[in-house]
């Protein structure tokens, strides 16, 4: 028996996650405050370190192949979660959410995302086990999504068109402004929801759409539900910290979306090759390719950003001379 089989690994892992979340909200972020870049960097290191320690445990208990599958799946989920950060930035800007309340929204949003993705992973695992050909549909869907992401130039968000937001506005009373970090308040003897809850609802529905892309992607690496679930959880747990690190500079990573599109297409092709051409891409090759694509996209984005900054500086200097 390995660490990925049986009931107890699931029990202990979920208890571990619940303890981490309780400490996060109940101790370290009990009072709402604007998260600084330094604090976000520290937490990012913490979450990544925990994921790598878990990966090391998998290596010693279940072997190198299982550990490599987890690491590859974690990198896929981590890279695809960047799209979530784009949406967070747009949503918080659209609703004018004060920085002090953003962490609370993301905490509950990510908790909901964990529950939702756990359910989707369970359904996906059962479907693949019963109908293996579904994995080829996943592959084709990921290629389609990757191409669509590659040609889409700008991300747009229209919360007012969200069905949940429309439902809430139609049937439930909503306060005009934020009520500190509360989601629900009582006014004149009746309960009212706040705009902060609307933000949370949009984040949850947006993550559902992202999960439709990311969860099939990790099934290209392994169909072990425990590995799929744990790599997803660790990627999502560190998403809040990444948001606060990159929120103000995410627009500078111009080629990152193209890189993510390439990764999705690669993962889709990887899922189709065994059935079409009987070619299996090793897990280590997938890991190296995904890491290389991310590095190239980030480096190219940094070079482009510096060139644009130099061009703007040159324009300013020429204007001053005139």
C-alpha atoms as a PDB file:
ATOM      1  CA  UNK A   1       0.000   0.000   0.000  1.00  0.00           C
ATOM      2  CA  UNK A   2       1.312   3.456  -0.884  1.00  0.00           C
ATOM      3  CA  UNK A   3       0.478   6.864   0.448  1.00  0.00           C
ATOM      4  CA  UNK A   4      -2.022   7.408  -2.361  1.00  0.00           C
ATOM      5  CA  UNK A   5      -4.231   4.429  -1.508  1.00  0.00           C
ATOM      6  CA  UNK A   6      -6.687   3.856   1.291  1.00  0.00           C
ATOM      7  CA  UNK A   7      -8.929   6.204   3.238  1.00  0.00           C
ATOM      8  CA  UNK A   8      -6.537   7.493   5.895  1.00  0.00           C
ATOM      9  CA  UNK A   9      -4.284   9.544   3.563  1.00  0.00           C
ATOM     10  CA  UNK A  10      -7.395  11.476   2.516  1.00  0.00           C
ATOM     11  CA  UNK A  11      -8.481  11.981   6.124  1.00  0.00           C
ATOM     12  CA  UNK A  12      -5.097  13.149   7.379  1.00  0.00           C
ATOM     13  CA  UNK A  13      -4.471  15.407   4.391  1.00  0.00           C
ATOM     14  CA  UNK A  14      -7.834  17.156   4.688  1.00  0.00           C
ATOM     15  CA  UNK A  15      -7.362  17.594   8.444  1.00  0.00           C
ATOM     16  CA  UNK A  16      -3.964  19.121   7.720  1.00  0.00           C
ATOM     17  CA  UNK A  17      -5.520  21.550   5.222  1.00  0.00           C
ATOM     18  CA  UNK A  18      -8.298  22.520   7.650  1.00  0.00           C
ATOM     19  CA  UNK A  19      -5.728  23.261  10.371  1.00  0.00           C
ATOM     20  CA  UNK A  20      -3.753  25.451   7.953  1.00  0.00           C
ATOM     21  CA  UNK A  21      -6.879  27.375   6.939  1.00  0.00           C
ATOM     22  CA  UNK A  22      -7.944  27.820  10.581  1.00  0.00           C
ATOM     23  CA  UNK A  23      -4.521  29.196  11.479  1.00  0.00           C
ATOM     24  CA  UNK A  24      -4.561  31.447   8.420  1.00  0.00           C
ATOM     25  CA  UNK A  25      -7.892  33.129   9.102  1.00  0.00           C
ATOM     26  CA  UNK A  26      -8.174  32.682  12.872  1.00  0.00           C
ATOM     27  CA  UNK A  27      -4.625  33.618  13.895  1.00  0.00           C
ATOM     28  CA  UNK A  28      -2.524  35.298  11.221  1.00  0.00           C
ATOM     29  CA  UNK A  29      -5.331  37.216   9.475  1.00  0.00           C
ATOM     30  CA  UNK A  30      -7.875  37.564  12.268  1.00  0.00           C
ATOM     31  CA  UNK A  31      -8.021  41.322  11.708  1.00  0.00           C
ATOM     32  CA  UNK A  32      -8.651  42.618   8.209  1.00  0.00           C
ATOM     33  CA  UNK A  33      -5.690  44.542   6.832  1.00  0.00           C
ATOM     34  CA  UNK A  34      -4.052  45.365   3.542  1.00  0.00           C
ATOM     35  CA  UNK A  35      -1.531  42.620   2.751  1.00  0.00           C
ATOM     36  CA  UNK A  36       1.913  44.005   1.965  1.00  0.00           C
ATOM     37  CA  UNK A  37       4.158  42.569  -0.736  1.00  0.00           C
ATOM     38  CA  UNK A  38       6.629  41.437   1.940  1.00  0.00           C
ATOM     39  CA  UNK A  39       3.922  39.537   3.824  1.00  0.00           C
ATOM     40  CA  UNK A  40       2.627  38.014   0.591  1.00  0.00           C
ATOM     41  CA  UNK A  41       6.132  36.888  -0.395  1.00  0.00           C
ATOM     42  CA  UNK A  42       6.641  35.225   2.970  1.00  0.00           C
ATOM     43  CA  UNK A  43       3.343  33.358   2.682  1.00  0.00           C
ATOM     44  CA  UNK A  44       4.129  32.362  -0.907  1.00  0.00           C
ATOM     45  CA  UNK A  45       7.391  30.806   0.282  1.00  0.00           C
ATOM     46  CA  UNK A  46       5.489  29.019   3.072  1.00  0.00           C
ATOM     47  CA  UNK A  47       2.874  27.502   0.751  1.00  0.00           C
ATOM     48  CA  UNK A  48       5.424  26.479  -1.890  1.00  0.00           C
ATOM     49  CA  UNK A  49       7.682  24.968   0.778  1.00  0.00           C
ATOM     50  CA  UNK A  50       4.790  22.934   2.191  1.00  0.00           C
ATOM     51  CA  UNK A  51       3.998  21.616  -1.284  1.00  0.00           C
ATOM     52  CA  UNK A  52       7.631  20.624  -1.865  1.00  0.00           C
ATOM     53  CA  UNK A  53       7.838  18.940   1.553  1.00  0.00           C
ATOM     54  CA  UNK A  54       4.706  16.972   0.737  1.00  0.00           C
ATOM     55  CA  UNK A  55       6.293  16.053  -2.589  1.00  0.00           C
ATOM     56  CA  UNK A  56       9.394  14.843  -0.744  1.00  0.00           C
ATOM     57  CA  UNK A  57       7.191  12.699   1.492  1.00  0.00           C
ATOM     58  CA  UNK A  58       5.583  11.156  -1.589  1.00  0.00           C
ATOM     59  CA  UNK A  59       9.039  10.358  -2.943  1.00  0.00           C
ATOM     60  CA  UNK A  60      10.103   8.422   0.150  1.00  0.00           C
ATOM     61  CA  UNK A  61       6.776   6.658   0.689  1.00  0.00           C
ATOM     62  CA  UNK A  62       5.420   6.029  -2.820  1.00  0.00           C
ATOM     63  CA  UNK A  63       8.450   6.338  -5.078  1.00  0.00           C
ATOM     64  CA  UNK A  64       9.924   8.723  -7.624  1.00  0.00           C
ATOM     65  CA  UNK A  65       7.271   8.333 -10.327  1.00  0.00           C
ATOM     66  CA  UNK A  66       4.423   9.318  -8.002  1.00  0.00           C
ATOM     67  CA  UNK A  67       6.435  12.263  -6.671  1.00  0.00           C
ATOM     68  CA  UNK A  68       7.193  13.376 -10.233  1.00  0.00           C
ATOM     69  CA  UNK A  69       3.505  13.160 -11.131  1.00  0.00           C
ATOM     70  CA  UNK A  70       2.609  15.363  -8.157  1.00  0.00           C
ATOM     71  CA  UNK A  71       5.297  17.932  -9.011  1.00  0.00           C
ATOM     72  CA  UNK A  72       4.245  18.096 -12.668  1.00  0.00           C
ATOM     73  CA  UNK A  73       0.571  18.375 -11.735  1.00  0.00           C
ATOM     74  CA  UNK A  74       1.373  21.059  -9.170  1.00  0.00           C
ATOM     75  CA  UNK A  75       3.315  23.089 -11.739  1.00  0.00           C
ATOM     76  CA  UNK A  76       0.460  22.790 -14.255  1.00  0.00           C
ATOM     77  CA  UNK A  77      -2.142  23.912 -11.712  1.00  0.00           C
ATOM     78  CA  UNK A  78       0.114  26.684 -10.404  1.00  0.00           C
ATOM     79  CA  UNK A  79       0.730  28.088 -13.870  1.00  0.00           C
ATOM     80  CA  UNK A  80      -2.922  27.898 -14.923  1.00  0.00           C
ATOM     81  CA  UNK A  81      -3.963  29.649 -11.695  1.00  0.00           C
ATOM     82  CA  UNK A  82      -2.322  32.812 -13.031  1.00  0.00           C
ATOM     83  CA  UNK A  83      -5.502  33.404 -15.020  1.00  0.00           C
ATOM     84  CA  UNK A  84      -7.354  33.585 -11.706  1.00  0.00           C
ATOM     85  CA  UNK A  85      -5.097  36.445 -10.644  1.00  0.00           C
ATOM     86  CA  UNK A  86      -6.056  38.428 -13.751  1.00  0.00           C
ATOM     87  CA  UNK A  87      -9.722  37.982 -12.844  1.00  0.00           C
ATOM     88  CA  UNK A  88      -9.143  38.914  -9.191  1.00  0.00           C
ATOM     89  CA  UNK A  89      -7.496  42.165 -10.277  1.00  0.00           C
ATOM     90  CA  UNK A  90     -10.366  43.027 -12.617  1.00  0.00           C
ATOM     91  CA  UNK A  91     -13.069  42.137 -10.080  1.00  0.00           C
ATOM     92  CA  UNK A  92     -11.553  44.036  -7.179  1.00  0.00           C
ATOM     93  CA  UNK A  93     -11.079  47.037  -9.437  1.00  0.00           C
ATOM     94  CA  UNK A  94     -14.636  46.817 -10.824  1.00  0.00           C
ATOM     95  CA  UNK A  95     -16.227  46.603  -7.368  1.00  0.00           C
ATOM     96  CA  UNK A  96     -13.661  48.993  -5.791  1.00  0.00           C
ATOM     97  CA  UNK A  97     -12.928  46.517  -2.990  1.00  0.00           C
ATOM     98  CA  UNK A  98     -10.683  48.117  -0.333  1.00  0.00           C
ATOM     99  CA  UNK A  99      -7.306  46.334   0.016  1.00  0.00           C
ATOM    100  CA  UNK A 100      -8.036  45.547   3.678  1.00  0.00           C
ATOM    101  CA  UNK A 101     -10.998  43.329   2.705  1.00  0.00           C
ATOM    102  CA  UNK A 102      -9.488  41.537  -0.256  1.00  0.00           C
ATOM    103  CA  UNK A 103      -7.796  38.775   1.742  1.00  0.00           C
ATOM    104  CA  UNK A 104     -11.071  37.821   3.453  1.00  0.00           C
ATOM    105  CA  UNK A 105     -12.862  37.538   0.111  1.00  0.00           C
ATOM    106  CA  UNK A 106     -10.062  35.411  -1.346  1.00  0.00           C
ATOM    107  CA  UNK A 107      -9.957  33.179   1.750  1.00  0.00           C
ATOM    108  CA  UNK A 108     -13.614  32.194   1.496  1.00  0.00           C
ATOM    109  CA  UNK A 109     -13.447  32.141  -2.291  1.00  0.00           C
ATOM    110  CA  UNK A 110     -10.566  29.686  -2.249  1.00  0.00           C
ATOM    111  CA  UNK A 111     -12.239  27.568   0.441  1.00  0.00           C
ATOM    112  CA  UNK A 112     -15.257  27.269  -1.846  1.00  0.00           C
ATOM    113  CA  UNK A 113     -12.945  26.506  -4.768  1.00  0.00           C
ATOM    114  CA  UNK A 114     -11.357  23.632  -2.842  1.00  0.00           C
ATOM    115  CA  UNK A 115     -14.752  22.048  -2.165  1.00  0.00           C
ATOM    116  CA  UNK A 116     -15.900  22.572  -5.750  1.00  0.00           C
ATOM    117  CA  UNK A 117     -12.716  21.181  -7.294  1.00  0.00           C
ATOM    118  CA  UNK A 118     -12.768  18.212  -4.947  1.00  0.00           C
ATOM    119  CA  UNK A 119     -16.234  17.331  -6.247  1.00  0.00           C
ATOM    120  CA  UNK A 120     -15.175  17.823  -9.887  1.00  0.00           C
ATOM    121  CA  UNK A 121     -12.069  15.666  -9.411  1.00  0.00           C
ATOM    122  CA  UNK A 122     -14.205  12.926  -7.910  1.00  0.00           C
ATOM    123  CA  UNK A 123     -16.612  13.030 -10.848  1.00  0.00           C
ATOM    124  CA  UNK A 124     -13.761  13.171 -13.364  1.00  0.00           C
ATOM    125  CA  UNK A 125     -11.973  10.188 -11.802  1.00  0.00           C
ATOM    126  CA  UNK A 126     -15.120   8.066 -11.891  1.00  0.00           C
ATOM    127  CA  UNK A 127     -15.849   9.008 -15.510  1.00  0.00           C
ATOM    128  CA  UNK A 128     -12.308   8.195 -16.674  1.00  0.00           C
ATOM    129  CA  UNK A 129     -12.355   4.891 -14.794  1.00  0.00           C
ATOM    130  CA  UNK A 130     -15.694   3.882 -16.318  1.00  0.00           C
ATOM    131  CA  UNK A 131     -15.285   5.488 -19.758  1.00  0.00           C
ATOM    132  CA  UNK A 132     -11.588   5.830 -20.578  1.00  0.00           C
ATOM    133  CA  UNK A 133     -12.314   7.426 -23.969  1.00  0.00           C
ATOM    134  CA  UNK A 134     -13.453  10.578 -22.116  1.00  0.00           C
ATOM    135  CA  UNK A 135      -9.799  11.449 -21.602  1.00  0.00           C
ATOM    136  CA  UNK A 136      -9.563  12.035 -25.363  1.00  0.00           C
ATOM    137  CA  UNK A 137     -12.466  14.467 -25.163  1.00  0.00           C
ATOM    138  CA  UNK A 138     -10.580  16.249 -22.380  1.00  0.00           C
ATOM    139  CA  UNK A 139      -7.525  16.447 -24.625  1.00  0.00           C
ATOM    140  CA  UNK A 140      -9.451  17.890 -27.564  1.00  0.00           C
ATOM    141  CA  UNK A 141     -11.166  20.384 -25.261  1.00  0.00           C
ATOM    142  CA  UNK A 142      -7.828  21.558 -23.838  1.00  0.00           C
ATOM    143  CA  UNK A 143      -6.389  22.086 -27.326  1.00  0.00           C
ATOM    144  CA  UNK A 144      -9.465  24.134 -28.245  1.00  0.00           C
ATOM    145  CA  UNK A 145      -9.167  26.142 -25.006  1.00  0.00           C
ATOM    146  CA  UNK A 146      -5.442  26.704 -25.555  1.00  0.00           C
ATOM    147  CA  UNK A 147      -5.990  28.022 -29.092  1.00  0.00           C
ATOM    148  CA  UNK A 148      -8.797  30.270 -27.861  1.00  0.00           C
ATOM    149  CA  UNK A 149      -6.594  31.614 -25.061  1.00  0.00           C
ATOM    150  CA  UNK A 150      -3.754  32.230 -27.514  1.00  0.00           C
ATOM    151  CA  UNK A 151      -5.816  34.375 -29.878  1.00  0.00           C
ATOM    152  CA  UNK A 152      -7.689  36.225 -27.112  1.00  0.00           C
ATOM    153  CA  UNK A 153      -5.856  39.494 -26.558  1.00  0.00           C
ATOM    154  CA  UNK A 154      -7.506  41.003 -23.507  1.00  0.00           C
ATOM    155  CA  UNK A 155      -9.356  39.649 -20.492  1.00  0.00           C
ATOM    156  CA  UNK A 156     -12.698  41.236 -19.800  1.00  0.00           C
ATOM    157  CA  UNK A 157     -15.027  40.839 -16.873  1.00  0.00           C
ATOM    158  CA  UNK A 158     -18.691  41.769 -16.727  1.00  0.00           C
ATOM    159  CA  UNK A 159     -19.963  40.966 -13.220  1.00  0.00           C
ATOM    160  CA  UNK A 160     -23.303  42.627 -13.947  1.00  0.00           C
ATOM    161  CA  UNK A 161     -24.041  39.815 -16.424  1.00  0.00           C
ATOM    162  CA  UNK A 162     -23.305  37.077 -13.909  1.00  0.00           C
ATOM    163  CA  UNK A 163     -26.513  35.026 -13.327  1.00  0.00           C
ATOM    164  CA  UNK A 164     -25.914  34.830  -9.576  1.00  0.00           C
ATOM    165  CA  UNK A 165     -25.422  38.596  -9.316  1.00  0.00           C
ATOM    166  CA  UNK A 166     -28.627  39.179 -11.268  1.00  0.00           C
ATOM    167  CA  UNK A 167     -30.519  36.745  -9.035  1.00  0.00           C
ATOM    168  CA  UNK A 168     -29.229  38.369  -5.853  1.00  0.00           C
ATOM    169  CA  UNK A 169     -30.095  41.877  -7.007  1.00  0.00           C
ATOM    170  CA  UNK A 170     -33.570  40.741  -8.004  1.00  0.00           C
ATOM    171  CA  UNK A 171     -34.580  38.790  -4.919  1.00  0.00           C
ATOM    172  CA  UNK A 172     -32.324  39.929  -2.067  1.00  0.00           C
ATOM    173  CA  UNK A 173     -31.671  43.372  -0.548  1.00  0.00           C
ATOM    174  CA  UNK A 174     -28.148  44.646  -1.118  1.00  0.00           C
ATOM    175  CA  UNK A 175     -26.470  47.456   0.832  1.00  0.00           C
ATOM    176  CA  UNK A 176     -25.232  50.409  -1.198  1.00  0.00           C
ATOM    177  CA  UNK A 177     -21.708  50.258   0.184  1.00  0.00           C
ATOM    178  CA  UNK A 178     -19.329  47.939   2.018  1.00  0.00           C
ATOM    179  CA  UNK A 179     -20.022  47.193   5.682  1.00  0.00           C
ATOM    180  CA  UNK A 180     -16.434  46.687   6.806  1.00  0.00           C
ATOM    181  CA  UNK A 181     -15.516  43.064   6.010  1.00  0.00           C
ATOM    182  CA  UNK A 182     -19.030  41.670   6.518  1.00  0.00           C
ATOM    183  CA  UNK A 183     -20.869  39.648   3.901  1.00  0.00           C
ATOM    184  CA  UNK A 184     -24.269  39.948   5.588  1.00  0.00           C
ATOM    185  CA  UNK A 185     -25.584  42.685   7.924  1.00  0.00           C
ATOM    186  CA  UNK A 186     -28.864  43.445   9.685  1.00  0.00           C
ATOM    187  CA  UNK A 187     -30.549  46.777   8.925  1.00  0.00           C
ATOM    188  CA  UNK A 188     -33.921  47.845  10.360  1.00  0.00           C
ATOM    189  CA  UNK A 189     -34.666  44.330  11.528  1.00  0.00           C
ATOM    190  CA  UNK A 190     -33.931  42.567   8.232  1.00  0.00           C
ATOM    191  CA  UNK A 191     -30.824  40.908   6.851  1.00  0.00           C
ATOM    192  CA  UNK A 192     -29.076  42.467   3.875  1.00  0.00           C
ATOM    193  CA  UNK A 193     -26.108  41.250   1.870  1.00  0.00           C
ATOM    194  CA  UNK A 194     -23.188  43.514   1.045  1.00  0.00           C
ATOM    195  CA  UNK A 195     -21.303  44.067  -2.228  1.00  0.00           C
ATOM    196  CA  UNK A 196     -18.484  42.005  -0.690  1.00  0.00           C
ATOM    197  CA  UNK A 197     -20.694  38.914  -0.955  1.00  0.00           C
ATOM    198  CA  UNK A 198     -21.381  39.738  -4.604  1.00  0.00           C
ATOM    199  CA  UNK A 199     -17.636  39.779  -5.243  1.00  0.00           C
ATOM    200  CA  UNK A 200     -17.333  36.392  -3.547  1.00  0.00           C
ATOM    201  CA  UNK A 201     -20.123  34.936  -5.684  1.00  0.00           C
ATOM    202  CA  UNK A 202     -18.484  36.137  -8.906  1.00  0.00           C
ATOM    203  CA  UNK A 203     -15.113  34.717  -7.809  1.00  0.00           C
ATOM    204  CA  UNK A 204     -16.699  31.329  -7.107  1.00  0.00           C
ATOM    205  CA  UNK A 205     -18.471  31.151 -10.465  1.00  0.00           C
ATOM    206  CA  UNK A 206     -15.321  32.325 -12.272  1.00  0.00           C
ATOM    207  CA  UNK A 207     -13.262  29.604 -10.598  1.00  0.00           C
ATOM    208  CA  UNK A 208     -15.759  27.015 -11.764  1.00  0.00           C
ATOM    209  CA  UNK A 209     -14.947  28.009 -15.349  1.00  0.00           C
ATOM    210  CA  UNK A 210     -11.199  27.842 -14.678  1.00  0.00           C
ATOM    211  CA  UNK A 211     -11.577  24.437 -13.023  1.00  0.00           C
ATOM    212  CA  UNK A 212     -13.109  23.091 -16.235  1.00  0.00           C
ATOM    213  CA  UNK A 213      -9.731  23.805 -17.895  1.00  0.00           C
ATOM    214  CA  UNK A 214      -7.270  22.976 -15.128  1.00  0.00           C
ATOM    215  CA  UNK A 215      -8.701  19.714 -13.788  1.00  0.00           C
ATOM    216  CA  UNK A 216      -8.745  17.898 -17.165  1.00  0.00           C
ATOM    217  CA  UNK A 217      -5.180  19.156 -17.678  1.00  0.00           C
ATOM    218  CA  UNK A 218      -3.841  17.357 -14.624  1.00  0.00           C
ATOM    219  CA  UNK A 219      -5.471  14.101 -15.698  1.00  0.00           C
ATOM    220  CA  UNK A 220      -2.908  14.103 -18.512  1.00  0.00           C
ATOM    221  CA  UNK A 221      -0.247  13.487 -15.860  1.00  0.00           C
ATOM    222  CA  UNK A 222      -2.017  10.964 -13.638  1.00  0.00           C
ATOM    223  CA  UNK A 223      -5.455   9.507 -13.026  1.00  0.00           C
ATOM    224  CA  UNK A 224      -4.686   8.874  -9.341  1.00  0.00           C
ATOM    225  CA  UNK A 225      -7.426  10.911  -7.568  1.00  0.00           C
ATOM    226  CA  UNK A 226      -5.225  11.552  -4.531  1.00  0.00           C
ATOM    227  CA  UNK A 227      -2.399  13.055  -6.590  1.00  0.00           C
ATOM    228  CA  UNK A 228      -4.837  15.082  -8.695  1.00  0.00           C
ATOM    229  CA  UNK A 229      -6.563  16.381  -5.570  1.00  0.00           C
ATOM    230  CA  UNK A 230      -3.479  17.191  -3.472  1.00  0.00           C
ATOM    231  CA  UNK A 231      -1.629  18.983  -6.279  1.00  0.00           C
ATOM    232  CA  UNK A 232      -4.781  21.022  -6.939  1.00  0.00           C
ATOM    233  CA  UNK A 233      -5.185  21.895  -3.269  1.00  0.00           C
ATOM    234  CA  UNK A 234      -1.588  23.050  -2.809  1.00  0.00           C
ATOM    235  CA  UNK A 235      -1.780  25.177  -5.969  1.00  0.00           C
ATOM    236  CA  UNK A 236      -5.020  26.817  -4.800  1.00  0.00           C
ATOM    237  CA  UNK A 237      -3.804  27.385  -1.215  1.00  0.00           C
ATOM    238  CA  UNK A 238      -0.950  29.539  -2.453  1.00  0.00           C
ATOM    239  CA  UNK A 239      -3.111  31.494  -4.893  1.00  0.00           C
ATOM    240  CA  UNK A 240      -4.008  34.308  -2.456  1.00  0.00           C
ATOM    241  CA  UNK A 241      -0.372  35.054  -1.692  1.00  0.00           C
ATOM    242  CA  UNK A 242       0.493  35.063  -5.386  1.00  0.00           C
ATOM    243  CA  UNK A 243      -2.302  37.540  -6.011  1.00  0.00           C
ATOM    244  CA  UNK A 244      -0.919  40.038  -3.510  1.00  0.00           C
ATOM    245  CA  UNK A 245       2.590  39.572  -4.937  1.00  0.00           C
ATOM    246  CA  UNK A 246       1.628  40.058  -8.590  1.00  0.00           C
ATOM    247  CA  UNK A 247      -1.547  42.182  -8.423  1.00  0.00           C
ATOM    248  CA  UNK A 248       0.231  45.401  -9.363  1.00  0.00           C
ATOM    249  CA  UNK A 249       2.640  43.939 -11.927  1.00  0.00           C
ATOM    250  CA  UNK A 250       0.651  41.130 -13.560  1.00  0.00           C
ATOM    251  CA  UNK A 251      -0.038  43.342 -16.589  1.00  0.00           C
ATOM    252  CA  UNK A 252       3.710  43.423 -17.298  1.00  0.00           C
ATOM    253  CA  UNK A 253       3.800  39.680 -18.047  1.00  0.00           C
ATOM    254  CA  UNK A 254       2.595  40.233 -21.589  1.00  0.00           C
ATOM    255  CA  UNK A 255       3.557  36.817 -22.974  1.00  0.00           C
ATOM    256  CA  UNK A 256       2.389  34.768 -19.999  1.00  0.00           C
ATOM    257  CA  UNK A 257      -1.056  34.164 -21.474  1.00  0.00           C
ATOM    258  CA  UNK A 258       0.573  32.903 -24.664  1.00  0.00           C
ATOM    259  CA  UNK A 259       2.735  30.588 -22.575  1.00  0.00           C
ATOM    260  CA  UNK A 260      -0.319  29.228 -20.762  1.00  0.00           C
ATOM    261  CA  UNK A 261      -2.013  28.668 -24.130  1.00  0.00           C
ATOM    262  CA  UNK A 262       0.987  26.640 -25.304  1.00  0.00           C
ATOM    263  CA  UNK A 263       0.897  24.580 -22.094  1.00  0.00           C
ATOM    264  CA  UNK A 264      -2.812  23.815 -22.512  1.00  0.00           C
ATOM    265  CA  UNK A 265      -2.288  22.738 -26.128  1.00  0.00           C
ATOM    266  CA  UNK A 266       0.700  20.585 -25.133  1.00  0.00           C
ATOM    267  CA  UNK A 267      -1.288  18.901 -22.360  1.00  0.00           C
ATOM    268  CA  UNK A 268      -4.162  18.287 -24.768  1.00  0.00           C
ATOM    269  CA  UNK A 269      -1.833  16.718 -27.329  1.00  0.00           C
ATOM    270  CA  UNK A 270      -0.259  14.597 -24.578  1.00  0.00           C
ATOM    271  CA  UNK A 271      -3.692  13.182 -23.749  1.00  0.00           C
ATOM    272  CA  UNK A 272      -4.471  12.389 -27.409  1.00  0.00           C
ATOM    273  CA  UNK A 273      -1.159  10.835 -28.511  1.00  0.00           C
ATOM    274  CA  UNK A 274      -1.494   7.472 -26.691  1.00  0.00           C
ATOM    275  CA  UNK A 275      -4.840   6.775 -28.339  1.00  0.00           C
ATOM    276  CA  UNK A 276      -4.033   8.134 -31.812  1.00  0.00           C
ATOM    277  CA  UNK A 277      -0.361   7.233 -32.332  1.00  0.00           C
ATOM    278  CA  UNK A 278       0.409   5.040 -29.293  1.00  0.00           C
ATOM    279  CA  UNK A 279       2.998   7.591 -28.172  1.00  0.00           C
ATOM    280  CA  UNK A 280       3.422   8.242 -24.465  1.00  0.00           C
ATOM    281  CA  UNK A 281       5.255  11.394 -23.331  1.00  0.00           C
ATOM    282  CA  UNK A 282       7.119  10.673 -20.058  1.00  0.00           C
ATOM    283  CA  UNK A 283       6.193  12.707 -17.001  1.00  0.00           C
ATOM    284  CA  UNK A 284       9.701  14.142 -16.646  1.00  0.00           C
ATOM    285  CA  UNK A 285       9.576  15.389 -20.259  1.00  0.00           C
ATOM    286  CA  UNK A 286       6.240  17.095 -19.577  1.00  0.00           C
ATOM    287  CA  UNK A 287       7.672  18.740 -16.449  1.00  0.00           C
ATOM    288  CA  UNK A 288      10.712  20.059 -18.331  1.00  0.00           C
ATOM    289  CA  UNK A 289       8.637  21.341 -21.251  1.00  0.00           C
ATOM    290  CA  UNK A 290       6.124  23.172 -19.013  1.00  0.00           C
ATOM    291  CA  UNK A 291       8.903  24.714 -16.917  1.00  0.00           C
ATOM    292  CA  UNK A 292      10.757  25.816 -20.075  1.00  0.00           C
ATOM    293  CA  UNK A 293       7.636  27.434 -21.562  1.00  0.00           C
ATOM    294  CA  UNK A 294       6.986  29.361 -18.345  1.00  0.00           C
ATOM    295  CA  UNK A 295      10.597  30.568 -18.126  1.00  0.00           C
ATOM    296  CA  UNK A 296      10.612  31.707 -21.762  1.00  0.00           C
ATOM    297  CA  UNK A 297       7.261  33.515 -21.367  1.00  0.00           C
ATOM    298  CA  UNK A 298       8.389  35.305 -18.192  1.00  0.00           C
ATOM    299  CA  UNK A 299      11.828  36.275 -19.532  1.00  0.00           C
ATOM    300  CA  UNK A 300      10.340  37.520 -22.809  1.00  0.00           C
ATOM    301  CA  UNK A 301       7.768  39.561 -20.871  1.00  0.00           C
ATOM    302  CA  UNK A 302      10.448  41.139 -18.681  1.00  0.00           C
ATOM    303  CA  UNK A 303      12.561  42.045 -21.739  1.00  0.00           C
ATOM    304  CA  UNK A 304       9.508  43.577 -23.449  1.00  0.00           C
ATOM    305  CA  UNK A 305       8.607  45.555 -20.324  1.00  0.00           C
ATOM    306  CA  UNK A 306      12.112  46.960 -20.023  1.00  0.00           C
ATOM    307  CA  UNK A 307      12.206  47.909 -23.700  1.00  0.00           C
ATOM    308  CA  UNK A 308       8.877  49.744 -23.382  1.00  0.00           C
ATOM    309  CA  UNK A 309      10.110  51.496 -20.256  1.00  0.00           C
ATOM    310  CA  UNK A 310      13.279  52.545 -22.095  1.00  0.00           C
ATOM    311  CA  UNK A 311      11.253  53.787 -25.078  1.00  0.00           C
ATOM    312  CA  UNK A 312       8.974  55.865 -22.829  1.00  0.00           C
ATOM    313  CA  UNK A 313      11.979  57.299 -21.012  1.00  0.00           C
ATOM    314  CA  UNK A 314      13.556  58.223 -24.345  1.00  0.00           C
ATOM    315  CA  UNK A 315      10.346  59.944 -25.468  1.00  0.00           C
ATOM    316  CA  UNK A 316      10.261  61.952 -22.236  1.00  0.00           C
ATOM    317  CA  UNK A 317      13.875  63.042 -22.636  1.00  0.00           C
ATOM    318  CA  UNK A 318      13.308  64.085 -26.256  1.00  0.00           C
ATOM    319  CA  UNK A 319      10.171  66.012 -25.263  1.00  0.00           C
ATOM    320  CA  UNK A 320      12.123  67.833 -22.530  1.00  0.00           C
ATOM    321  CA  UNK A 321      14.821  68.847 -25.040  1.00  0.00           C
ATOM    322  CA  UNK A 322      12.219  70.274 -27.372  1.00  0.00           C
END
